[in-house]
Amino acid sequence: MNAASPEPQAVYLCALDDIPDGGALEIPARQAGAPGVVVLRRGDEAWAYRNVCPHFSIPLNYEPNTFWAYDAELLMCAHHSAMFRFEDGQCVDGPCQGAALTPVVIRIAQRKIFNSD
């Protein structure tokens, strides 16, 4: 008899409307020493990534919950000015061009964002 694998528990991150349209929101790490998550929003779409720049493995923001987003398309690392696309986290300009942010799996249900990692 095979035991069914338990489903990962969905964790509430935030409401879609908590994130400025065209901007970002920082979700603190649930575990000490782990990186937080940055959630990006464009209209009714959202993407989430570990809040770690691939250039030097430091947070993308300089101050808590302060991110630089341009035209609801690009997120800029506050330390090295690397530019990352919202939809795939790919670095398109800056010192880590060609690298990408580490995605965090999310789902949106009734304008609430959850992850199951």
Protein backbone atom coordinates (compact mmCIF):
# COMPACT_ATOMS: atom_id res chain seq x y z
CA MET A 1 0.00 0.00 0.00
CA ASN A 2 1.37 3.40 -0.94
CA ALA A 3 0.86 6.28 1.42
CA ALA A 4 -0.18 9.45 -0.29
CA SER A 5 2.31 12.25 -0.13
CA PRO A 6 1.00 15.10 1.97
CA GLU A 7 0.14 18.25 0.03
CA PRO A 8 2.33 21.24 0.84
CA GLN A 9 0.56 23.68 3.12
CA ALA A 10 -0.34 26.93 1.35
CA VAL A 11 1.00 29.94 3.23
CA TYR A 12 -0.70 33.32 2.98
CA LEU A 13 1.77 36.01 1.91
CA CYS A 14 -0.34 39.13 1.35
CA ALA A 15 -3.33 40.55 -0.46
CA LEU A 16 -2.78 41.54 -4.07
CA ASP A 17 -3.98 45.03 -3.17
CA ASP A 18 -1.27 45.33 -0.48
CA ILE A 19 1.26 45.65 -3.31
CA PRO A 20 1.35 48.97 -5.17
CA ASP A 21 0.36 48.43 -8.80
CA GLY A 22 3.64 48.48 -10.73
CA GLY A 23 5.62 48.07 -7.52
CA ALA A 24 6.85 45.58 -4.96
CA LEU A 25 6.25 44.41 -1.41
CA GLU A 26 8.71 42.73 0.94
CA ILE A 27 7.54 39.64 2.81
CA PRO A 28 9.86 38.88 5.74
CA ALA A 29 11.34 35.41 6.05
CA ARG A 30 9.45 32.92 8.22
CA GLN A 31 12.72 31.45 9.48
CA ALA A 32 15.60 33.38 11.04
CA GLY A 33 18.54 33.74 8.69
CA ALA A 34 16.50 32.89 5.56
CA PRO A 35 15.94 35.47 2.84
CA GLY A 36 12.61 37.22 2.58
CA VAL A 37 10.47 37.34 -0.52
CA VAL A 38 9.76 40.24 -2.85
CA VAL A 39 6.35 40.17 -4.54
CA LEU A 40 5.92 42.25 -7.70
CA ARG A 41 2.59 43.36 -9.12
CA ARG A 42 1.29 44.56 -12.46
CA GLY A 43 -2.49 44.89 -12.48
CA ASP A 44 -3.97 41.55 -11.49
CA GLU A 45 -0.70 39.66 -12.06
CA ALA A 46 1.98 38.99 -9.47
CA TRP A 47 5.40 37.32 -9.36
CA ALA A 48 7.51 36.43 -6.33
CA TYR A 49 11.25 35.95 -5.90
CA ARG A 50 13.68 35.42 -3.06
CA ASN A 51 14.85 38.87 -2.00
CA VAL A 52 18.43 38.11 -2.99
CA CYS A 53 20.42 39.73 -5.79
CA PRO A 54 22.41 37.07 -7.70
CA HIS A 55 25.38 39.46 -7.98
CA PHE A 56 26.50 39.39 -4.33
CA SER A 57 23.68 37.45 -2.60
CA ILE A 58 22.41 40.49 -0.74
CA PRO A 59 18.85 41.88 -0.51
CA LEU A 60 17.53 43.80 -3.51
CA ASN A 61 16.41 46.66 -1.29
CA TYR A 62 18.54 49.02 0.77
CA GLU A 63 15.82 49.99 3.26
CA PRO A 64 13.01 47.76 4.54
CA ASN A 65 10.16 47.40 2.04
CA THR A 66 11.63 50.03 -0.30
CA PHE A 67 12.11 48.85 -3.88
CA TRP A 68 12.77 50.64 -7.16
CA ALA A 69 10.43 49.52 -9.92
CA TYR A 70 10.29 51.10 -13.36
CA ASP A 71 7.23 51.23 -15.63
CA ALA A 72 5.78 48.11 -13.93
CA GLU A 73 8.38 46.17 -15.94
CA LEU A 74 11.73 46.20 -14.13
CA LEU A 75 12.93 45.87 -10.54
CA MET A 76 16.30 47.44 -9.73
CA CYS A 77 18.75 46.20 -7.11
CA ALA A 78 19.43 49.15 -4.81
CA HIS A 79 23.06 48.12 -4.34
CA HIS A 80 24.35 47.51 -7.86
CA SER A 81 21.59 48.88 -10.15
CA ALA A 82 21.01 45.49 -11.77
CA MET A 83 17.63 45.46 -13.55
CA PHE A 84 15.33 42.41 -13.38
CA ARG A 85 12.18 41.75 -15.41
CA PHE A 86 9.00 41.29 -13.38
CA GLU A 87 7.71 38.27 -15.29
CA ASP A 88 10.78 36.00 -15.17
CA GLY A 89 13.33 37.64 -12.83
CA GLN A 90 15.91 37.72 -15.62
CA CYS A 91 18.64 40.37 -15.22
CA VAL A 92 18.61 42.46 -18.38
CA ASP A 93 21.11 45.14 -17.35
CA GLY A 94 23.84 45.54 -14.76
CA PRO A 95 26.67 43.52 -13.24
CA CYS A 96 24.81 40.20 -13.21
CA GLN A 97 23.27 40.43 -16.69
CA GLY A 98 22.11 36.99 -17.80
CA ALA A 99 21.55 35.74 -14.23
CA ALA A 100 18.07 35.56 -12.73
CA LEU A 101 16.30 35.95 -9.42
CA THR A 102 15.19 32.75 -7.68
CA PRO A 103 11.44 32.35 -8.18
CA VAL A 104 9.01 31.61 -5.38
CA VAL A 105 5.93 29.66 -6.44
CA ILE A 106 2.75 31.61 -5.74
CA ARG A 107 -0.92 31.40 -6.58
CA ILE A 108 -3.57 34.09 -6.44
CA ALA A 109 -7.01 33.19 -5.12
CA GLN A 110 -9.67 35.82 -4.45
CA ARG A 111 -7.01 38.57 -4.67
CA LYS A 112 -4.91 36.88 -1.97
CA ILE A 113 -1.41 35.57 -2.67
CA PHE A 114 -0.23 32.24 -1.28
CA ASN A 115 2.87 30.13 -1.65
CA SER A 116 3.37 26.46 -0.88
CA ASP A 117 7.15 26.18 -0.43
